[in-house]
Amino acid sequence: VRENAESIAMFSGGSRELRSTRTLLQRLVDNNRQTLWVMLGYDSFQNSSQYITGFLPAVLVAPQYLAGQVEFGVVKQAQDAFYMLRYSLFIIANKTSEFSAFATGLDRLEQLVHAITEEADEKTYYFTGANEDHEPLL
């Protein structure tokens, strides 16, 4: 907007630019709000599963322990087994920041390739020449 302020003012496009900017800002705010809700749900689920991992095995093995059928160490073994299962299931979820960084890097690389390709296309027109319709003269 700043670079094209004179053109916008000359063609009375200020109200259109304001609407466009507000729309983009609203989309950004909505996207961030949605991301926060998803992160809250994800963190809540992960925290609750962590507590359940420690609590559920004890509840399942407690009747056998109280009946004298198993020793106390079996409760700890059951908790460890549940913890290993939880860790195995959440290994991808625990690496989300690494996946996100990788995806961001790929996106930036794609933008760079696109910019280089556009620059190369413009240079082709410059060296080969073009008519008024910007068609190559080859």
N, C-alpha and C. Protein backbone atom coordinates (compact mmCIF):
# COMPACT_ATOMS: atom_id res chain seq x y z
N VAL A 1 0.84 -1.18 0.00
CA VAL A 1 0.00 0.00 0.00
C VAL A 1 0.88 1.24 0.00
N ARG A 2 1.95 1.24 0.82
CA ARG A 2 2.80 2.42 0.92
C ARG A 2 3.47 2.74 -0.41
N GLU A 3 3.92 1.72 -1.12
CA GLU A 3 4.60 1.95 -2.39
C GLU A 3 3.66 2.47 -3.46
N ASN A 4 2.40 2.13 -3.37
CA ASN A 4 1.42 2.52 -4.39
C ASN A 4 0.42 3.56 -3.86
N ALA A 5 0.80 4.31 -2.84
CA ALA A 5 -0.13 5.26 -2.22
C ALA A 5 -0.61 6.31 -3.20
N GLU A 6 0.27 6.80 -4.05
CA GLU A 6 -0.12 7.84 -5.01
C GLU A 6 -1.15 7.32 -6.00
N SER A 7 -0.93 6.12 -6.51
CA SER A 7 -1.89 5.53 -7.46
C SER A 7 -3.22 5.25 -6.79
N ILE A 8 -3.18 4.78 -5.57
CA ILE A 8 -4.42 4.49 -4.84
C ILE A 8 -5.21 5.77 -4.62
N ALA A 9 -4.51 6.84 -4.23
CA ALA A 9 -5.19 8.12 -4.00
C ALA A 9 -5.74 8.68 -5.30
N MET A 10 -5.00 8.54 -6.41
CA MET A 10 -5.43 9.10 -7.69
C MET A 10 -6.69 8.41 -8.19
N PHE A 11 -6.81 7.12 -7.98
CA PHE A 11 -7.96 6.37 -8.47
C PHE A 11 -9.01 6.15 -7.38
N SER A 12 -8.92 6.86 -6.27
CA SER A 12 -9.87 6.77 -5.15
C SER A 12 -10.06 5.31 -4.72
N GLY A 13 -8.97 4.58 -4.57
CA GLY A 13 -9.04 3.18 -4.18
C GLY A 13 -8.83 2.95 -2.70
N GLY A 14 -8.82 4.02 -1.93
CA GLY A 14 -8.55 3.89 -0.50
C GLY A 14 -9.55 3.02 0.23
N SER A 15 -10.84 3.19 -0.08
CA SER A 15 -11.85 2.39 0.62
C SER A 15 -11.74 0.91 0.24
N ARG A 16 -11.42 0.65 -1.03
CA ARG A 16 -11.24 -0.73 -1.46
C ARG A 16 -10.01 -1.36 -0.78
N GLU A 17 -8.93 -0.60 -0.70
CA GLU A 17 -7.72 -1.09 -0.03
C GLU A 17 -7.98 -1.31 1.46
N LEU A 18 -8.77 -0.43 2.09
CA LEU A 18 -9.10 -0.59 3.50
C LEU A 18 -9.92 -1.86 3.72
N ARG A 19 -10.92 -2.09 2.86
CA ARG A 19 -11.71 -3.32 2.96
C ARG A 19 -10.85 -4.55 2.77
N SER A 20 -9.98 -4.50 1.78
CA SER A 20 -9.10 -5.63 1.50
C SER A 20 -8.17 -5.90 2.69
N THR A 21 -7.61 -4.84 3.25
CA THR A 21 -6.71 -4.99 4.40
C THR A 21 -7.45 -5.53 5.61
N ARG A 22 -8.64 -5.00 5.85
CA ARG A 22 -9.44 -5.50 6.98
C ARG A 22 -9.81 -6.96 6.80
N THR A 23 -10.16 -7.34 5.58
CA THR A 23 -10.51 -8.74 5.30
C THR A 23 -9.32 -9.65 5.56
N LEU A 24 -8.15 -9.25 5.08
CA LEU A 24 -6.95 -10.05 5.30
C LEU A 24 -6.60 -10.14 6.79
N LEU A 25 -6.73 -9.03 7.49
CA LEU A 25 -6.45 -9.02 8.93
C LEU A 25 -7.44 -9.91 9.68
N GLN A 26 -8.72 -9.87 9.29
CA GLN A 26 -9.72 -10.70 9.95
C GLN A 26 -9.43 -12.18 9.70
N ARG A 27 -9.03 -12.52 8.47
CA ARG A 27 -8.67 -13.91 8.17
C ARG A 27 -7.48 -14.36 9.01
N LEU A 28 -6.51 -13.46 9.20
CA LEU A 28 -5.34 -13.78 10.01
C LEU A 28 -5.74 -14.02 11.47
N VAL A 29 -6.59 -13.14 12.00
CA VAL A 29 -7.05 -13.30 13.38
C VAL A 29 -7.85 -14.58 13.54
N ASP A 30 -8.74 -14.88 12.60
CA ASP A 30 -9.53 -16.11 12.66
C ASP A 30 -8.64 -17.35 12.60
N ASN A 31 -7.65 -17.30 11.74
CA ASN A 31 -6.72 -18.43 11.62
C ASN A 31 -5.94 -18.63 12.92
N ASN A 32 -5.46 -17.55 13.51
CA ASN A 32 -4.74 -17.66 14.78
C ASN A 32 -5.65 -18.17 15.90
N ARG A 33 -6.89 -17.71 15.91
CA ARG A 33 -7.83 -18.18 16.92
C ARG A 33 -8.10 -19.68 16.77
N GLN A 34 -8.28 -20.11 15.54
CA GLN A 34 -8.50 -21.53 15.28
C GLN A 34 -7.27 -22.35 15.67
N THR A 35 -6.09 -21.85 15.37
CA THR A 35 -4.85 -22.53 15.74
C THR A 35 -4.74 -22.65 17.25
N LEU A 36 -5.08 -21.60 17.97
CA LEU A 36 -5.03 -21.65 19.43
C LEU A 36 -5.98 -22.70 20.00
N TRP A 37 -7.18 -22.80 19.44
CA TRP A 37 -8.13 -23.81 19.92
C TRP A 37 -7.65 -25.23 19.64
N VAL A 38 -7.07 -25.41 18.47
CA VAL A 38 -6.53 -26.74 18.14
C VAL A 38 -5.39 -27.08 19.07
N MET A 39 -4.50 -26.12 19.32
CA MET A 39 -3.37 -26.37 20.23
C MET A 39 -3.86 -26.65 21.65
N LEU A 40 -4.89 -25.93 22.09
CA LEU A 40 -5.45 -26.17 23.42
C LEU A 40 -6.02 -27.58 23.51
N GLY A 41 -6.77 -28.00 22.50
CA GLY A 41 -7.32 -29.35 22.49
C GLY A 41 -6.23 -30.41 22.46
N TYR A 42 -5.23 -30.17 21.65
CA TYR A 42 -4.11 -31.13 21.55
C TYR A 42 -3.37 -31.23 22.88
N ASP A 43 -3.04 -30.09 23.48
CA ASP A 43 -2.32 -30.11 24.76
C ASP A 43 -3.17 -30.74 25.86
N SER A 44 -4.46 -30.45 25.86
CA SER A 44 -5.35 -31.05 26.87
C SER A 44 -5.41 -32.57 26.71
N PHE A 45 -5.52 -33.02 25.48
CA PHE A 45 -5.56 -34.45 25.22
C PHE A 45 -4.25 -35.11 25.65
N GLN A 46 -3.14 -34.48 25.32
CA GLN A 46 -1.85 -35.06 25.66
C GLN A 46 -1.62 -35.08 27.17
N ASN A 47 -2.01 -34.01 27.86
CA ASN A 47 -1.85 -33.98 29.32
C ASN A 47 -2.76 -35.01 29.99
N SER A 48 -3.99 -35.11 29.54
CA SER A 48 -4.90 -36.09 30.15
C SER A 48 -4.42 -37.51 29.89
N SER A 49 -3.88 -37.76 28.70
CA SER A 49 -3.37 -39.11 28.43
C SER A 49 -2.15 -39.42 29.29
N GLN A 50 -1.38 -38.40 29.62
CA GLN A 50 -0.22 -38.60 30.49
C GLN A 50 -0.67 -39.01 31.89
N TYR A 51 -1.69 -38.34 32.41
CA TYR A 51 -2.20 -38.70 33.74
C TYR A 51 -2.87 -40.06 33.74
N ILE A 52 -3.61 -40.34 32.68
CA ILE A 52 -4.29 -41.64 32.59
C ILE A 52 -3.27 -42.77 32.51
N THR A 53 -2.16 -42.52 31.83
CA THR A 53 -1.11 -43.53 31.70
C THR A 53 -0.58 -43.95 33.07
N GLY A 54 -0.48 -43.02 34.00
CA GLY A 54 -0.01 -43.36 35.34
C GLY A 54 -1.10 -43.93 36.23
N PHE A 55 -2.33 -43.51 36.01
CA PHE A 55 -3.43 -43.86 36.91
C PHE A 55 -4.13 -45.17 36.50
N LEU A 56 -4.39 -45.35 35.21
CA LEU A 56 -5.16 -46.49 34.74
C LEU A 56 -4.52 -47.85 35.04
N PRO A 57 -3.23 -48.03 34.83
CA PRO A 57 -2.64 -49.34 35.16
C PRO A 57 -2.78 -49.70 36.64
N ALA A 58 -2.64 -48.69 37.50
CA ALA A 58 -2.78 -48.94 38.94
C ALA A 58 -4.21 -49.39 39.26
N VAL A 59 -5.19 -48.77 38.62
CA VAL A 59 -6.58 -49.14 38.85
C VAL A 59 -6.85 -50.56 38.33
N LEU A 60 -6.26 -50.90 37.19
CA LEU A 60 -6.50 -52.22 36.62
C LEU A 60 -5.82 -53.34 37.40
N VAL A 61 -4.64 -53.06 37.96
CA VAL A 61 -3.87 -54.10 38.66
C VAL A 61 -4.20 -54.12 40.15
N ALA A 62 -4.78 -53.06 40.67
CA ALA A 62 -5.06 -52.96 42.12
C ALA A 62 -5.88 -54.13 42.66
N PRO A 63 -6.97 -54.58 42.00
CA PRO A 63 -7.72 -55.70 42.54
C PRO A 63 -6.87 -56.97 42.70
N GLN A 64 -6.00 -57.22 41.74
CA GLN A 64 -5.12 -58.39 41.84
C GLN A 64 -4.10 -58.22 42.96
N TYR A 65 -3.60 -57.01 43.14
CA TYR A 65 -2.63 -56.74 44.21
C TYR A 65 -3.29 -56.90 45.58
N LEU A 66 -4.49 -56.34 45.70
CA LEU A 66 -5.20 -56.42 46.98
C LEU A 66 -5.61 -57.86 47.30
N ALA A 67 -5.84 -58.66 46.28
CA ALA A 67 -6.18 -60.08 46.49
C ALA A 67 -4.94 -60.91 46.77
N GLY A 68 -3.76 -60.31 46.67
CA GLY A 68 -2.52 -61.01 46.94
C GLY A 68 -2.05 -61.88 45.79
N GLN A 69 -2.61 -61.70 44.61
CA GLN A 69 -2.24 -62.50 43.46
C GLN A 69 -0.94 -62.02 42.80
N VAL A 70 -0.63 -60.73 42.93
CA VAL A 70 0.59 -60.18 42.33
C VAL A 70 1.32 -59.33 43.37
N GLU A 71 2.61 -59.14 43.13
CA GLU A 71 3.40 -58.30 44.03
C GLU A 71 3.27 -56.84 43.61
N PHE A 72 3.76 -55.95 44.46
CA PHE A 72 3.65 -54.52 44.20
C PHE A 72 4.41 -54.10 42.94
N GLY A 73 5.49 -54.77 42.62
CA GLY A 73 6.30 -54.45 41.44
C GLY A 73 5.53 -54.59 40.15
N VAL A 74 4.50 -55.42 40.15
CA VAL A 74 3.69 -55.61 38.94
C VAL A 74 2.94 -54.32 38.60
N VAL A 75 2.55 -53.57 39.60
CA VAL A 75 1.86 -52.29 39.36
C VAL A 75 2.80 -51.35 38.60
N LYS A 76 4.04 -51.26 39.05
CA LYS A 76 5.03 -50.40 38.39
C LYS A 76 5.33 -50.91 36.97
N GLN A 77 5.40 -52.21 36.79
CA GLN A 77 5.63 -52.77 35.47
C GLN A 77 4.48 -52.44 34.52
N ALA A 78 3.26 -52.51 35.04
CA ALA A 78 2.10 -52.17 34.21
C ALA A 78 2.14 -50.68 33.83
N GLN A 79 2.50 -49.82 34.78
CA GLN A 79 2.61 -48.40 34.47
C GLN A 79 3.69 -48.15 33.43
N ASP A 80 4.82 -48.83 33.55
CA ASP A 80 5.88 -48.67 32.57
C ASP A 80 5.44 -49.15 31.18
N ALA A 81 4.70 -50.26 31.15
CA ALA A 81 4.21 -50.76 29.87
C ALA A 81 3.24 -49.76 29.22
N PHE A 82 2.35 -49.17 30.02
CA PHE A 82 1.43 -48.16 29.49
C PHE A 82 2.19 -46.93 29.02
N TYR A 83 3.23 -46.54 29.76
CA TYR A 83 4.03 -45.39 29.37
C TYR A 83 4.72 -45.64 28.03
N MET A 84 5.27 -46.82 27.85
CA MET A 84 5.94 -47.15 26.59
C MET A 84 4.94 -47.15 25.43
N LEU A 85 3.75 -47.67 25.68
CA LEU A 85 2.71 -47.67 24.65
C LEU A 85 2.32 -46.24 24.29
N ARG A 86 2.12 -45.41 25.29
CA ARG A 86 1.76 -44.00 25.06
C ARG A 86 2.87 -43.30 24.28
N TYR A 87 4.11 -43.51 24.68
CA TYR A 87 5.22 -42.87 23.98
C TYR A 87 5.27 -43.31 22.52
N SER A 88 5.04 -44.58 22.27
CA SER A 88 5.06 -45.09 20.90
C SER A 88 3.94 -44.49 20.06
N LEU A 89 2.77 -44.33 20.65
CA LEU A 89 1.64 -43.77 19.92
C LEU A 89 1.80 -42.28 19.66
N PHE A 90 2.47 -41.58 20.56
CA PHE A 90 2.59 -40.13 20.44
C PHE A 90 3.93 -39.69 19.88
N ILE A 91 4.71 -40.59 19.33
CA ILE A 91 6.04 -40.21 18.85
C ILE A 91 5.95 -39.17 17.74
N ILE A 92 4.98 -39.32 16.84
CA ILE A 92 4.82 -38.34 15.77
C ILE A 92 4.27 -37.03 16.34
N ALA A 93 3.31 -37.13 17.24
CA ALA A 93 2.74 -35.93 17.84
C ALA A 93 3.78 -35.16 18.66
N ASN A 94 4.71 -35.87 19.26
CA ASN A 94 5.75 -35.20 20.06
C ASN A 94 6.78 -34.49 19.18
N LYS A 95 6.81 -34.81 17.92
CA LYS A 95 7.78 -34.21 17.00
C LYS A 95 7.13 -33.16 16.11
N THR A 96 5.97 -32.62 16.48
CA THR A 96 5.27 -31.68 15.62
C THR A 96 6.09 -30.44 15.32
N SER A 97 6.85 -29.95 16.28
CA SER A 97 7.65 -28.75 16.03
C SER A 97 8.71 -29.01 14.97
N GLU A 98 9.30 -30.21 14.99
CA GLU A 98 10.29 -30.54 13.98
C GLU A 98 9.65 -30.68 12.60
N PHE A 99 8.46 -31.32 12.54
CA PHE A 99 7.75 -31.45 11.27
C PHE A 99 7.33 -30.07 10.76
N SER A 100 6.90 -29.22 11.66
CA SER A 100 6.48 -27.88 11.28
C SER A 100 7.66 -27.08 10.71
N ALA A 101 8.80 -27.17 11.36
CA ALA A 101 10.00 -26.47 10.87
C ALA A 101 10.41 -27.00 9.49
N PHE A 102 10.31 -28.31 9.31
CA PHE A 102 10.65 -28.91 8.02
C PHE A 102 9.69 -28.42 6.94
N ALA A 103 8.39 -28.40 7.25
CA ALA A 103 7.39 -27.94 6.28
C ALA A 103 7.60 -26.46 5.94
N THR A 104 7.94 -25.66 6.94
CA THR A 104 8.19 -24.24 6.70
C THR A 104 9.40 -24.07 5.79
N GLY A 105 10.43 -24.85 6.02
CA GLY A 105 11.61 -24.79 5.17
C GLY A 105 11.29 -25.16 3.74
N LEU A 106 10.47 -26.19 3.56
CA LEU A 106 10.06 -26.58 2.20
C LEU A 106 9.25 -25.48 1.52
N ASP A 107 8.37 -24.84 2.29
CA ASP A 107 7.56 -23.75 1.74
C ASP A 107 8.45 -22.60 1.30
N ARG A 108 9.42 -22.23 2.11
CA ARG A 108 10.34 -21.15 1.75
C ARG A 108 11.18 -21.52 0.53
N LEU A 109 11.60 -22.76 0.47
CA LEU A 109 12.37 -23.22 -0.68
C LEU A 109 11.53 -23.14 -1.95
N GLU A 110 10.26 -23.52 -1.86
CA GLU A 110 9.36 -23.44 -3.01
C GLU A 110 9.18 -21.99 -3.46
N GLN A 111 9.05 -21.07 -2.50
CA GLN A 111 8.92 -19.65 -2.84
C GLN A 111 10.18 -19.14 -3.52
N LEU A 112 11.35 -19.58 -3.05
CA LEU A 112 12.61 -19.17 -3.66
C LEU A 112 12.71 -19.68 -5.10
N VAL A 113 12.36 -20.94 -5.31
CA VAL A 113 12.39 -21.50 -6.67
C VAL A 113 11.43 -20.75 -7.57
N HIS A 114 10.25 -20.42 -7.05
CA HIS A 114 9.27 -19.66 -7.84
C HIS A 114 9.81 -18.28 -8.20
N ALA A 115 10.44 -17.60 -7.25
CA ALA A 115 10.99 -16.28 -7.50
C ALA A 115 12.13 -16.34 -8.51
N ILE A 116 12.98 -17.34 -8.40
CA ILE A 116 14.09 -17.49 -9.35
C ILE A 116 13.56 -17.78 -10.75
N THR A 117 12.52 -18.61 -10.83
CA THR A 117 11.92 -18.94 -12.12
C THR A 117 11.32 -17.69 -12.76
N GLU A 118 10.60 -16.89 -11.97
CA GLU A 118 10.01 -15.65 -12.50
C GLU A 118 11.10 -14.70 -12.96
N GLU A 119 12.17 -14.58 -12.19
CA GLU A 119 13.28 -13.70 -12.54
C GLU A 119 13.93 -14.17 -13.85
N ALA A 120 14.09 -15.48 -13.98
CA ALA A 120 14.68 -16.03 -15.20
C ALA A 120 13.79 -15.77 -16.40
N ASP A 121 12.46 -15.87 -16.21
CA ASP A 121 11.52 -15.59 -17.30
C ASP A 121 11.60 -14.13 -17.73
N GLU A 122 11.72 -13.21 -16.76
CA GLU A 122 11.83 -11.79 -17.08
C GLU A 122 13.14 -11.51 -17.81
N LYS A 123 14.21 -12.16 -17.41
CA LYS A 123 15.50 -11.96 -18.07
C LYS A 123 15.45 -12.45 -19.51
N THR A 124 14.69 -13.52 -19.76
CA THR A 124 14.55 -14.03 -21.12
C THR A 124 13.93 -12.97 -22.02
N TYR A 125 12.89 -12.28 -21.53
CA TYR A 125 12.27 -11.22 -22.32
C TYR A 125 13.25 -10.07 -22.53
N TYR A 126 14.06 -9.78 -21.55
CA TYR A 126 14.99 -8.66 -21.64
C TYR A 126 16.05 -8.93 -22.71
N PHE A 127 16.59 -10.14 -22.73
CA PHE A 127 17.65 -10.44 -23.67
C PHE A 127 17.13 -10.69 -25.07
N THR A 128 15.97 -11.26 -25.20
CA THR A 128 15.46 -11.57 -26.54
C THR A 128 14.71 -10.40 -27.13
N GLY A 129 14.27 -9.46 -26.28
CA GLY A 129 13.48 -8.35 -26.75
C GLY A 129 12.02 -8.72 -26.77
N ALA A 130 11.15 -7.72 -26.72
CA ALA A 130 9.71 -7.97 -26.73
C ALA A 130 9.03 -6.79 -27.38
N ASN A 131 7.88 -7.05 -27.96
CA ASN A 131 7.11 -5.96 -28.54
C ASN A 131 6.26 -5.30 -27.46
N GLU A 132 5.35 -4.39 -27.87
CA GLU A 132 4.53 -3.67 -26.91
C GLU A 132 3.62 -4.59 -26.10
N ASP A 133 3.24 -5.75 -26.64
CA ASP A 133 2.37 -6.68 -25.93
C ASP A 133 3.15 -7.64 -25.05
N HIS A 134 4.44 -7.39 -24.88
CA HIS A 134 5.34 -8.20 -24.05
C HIS A 134 5.45 -9.64 -24.56
N GLU A 135 5.35 -9.79 -25.86
CA GLU A 135 5.55 -11.10 -26.46
C GLU A 135 6.98 -11.18 -26.97
N PRO A 136 7.65 -12.30 -26.80
CA PRO A 136 9.04 -12.40 -27.29
C PRO A 136 9.11 -12.20 -28.80
N LEU A 137 10.22 -11.62 -29.25
CA LEU A 137 10.40 -11.35 -30.68
C LEU A 137 11.05 -12.49 -31.43
N LEU A 138 11.23 -13.64 -30.80
CA LEU A 138 11.89 -14.77 -31.45
C LEU A 138 11.10 -15.36 -32.56
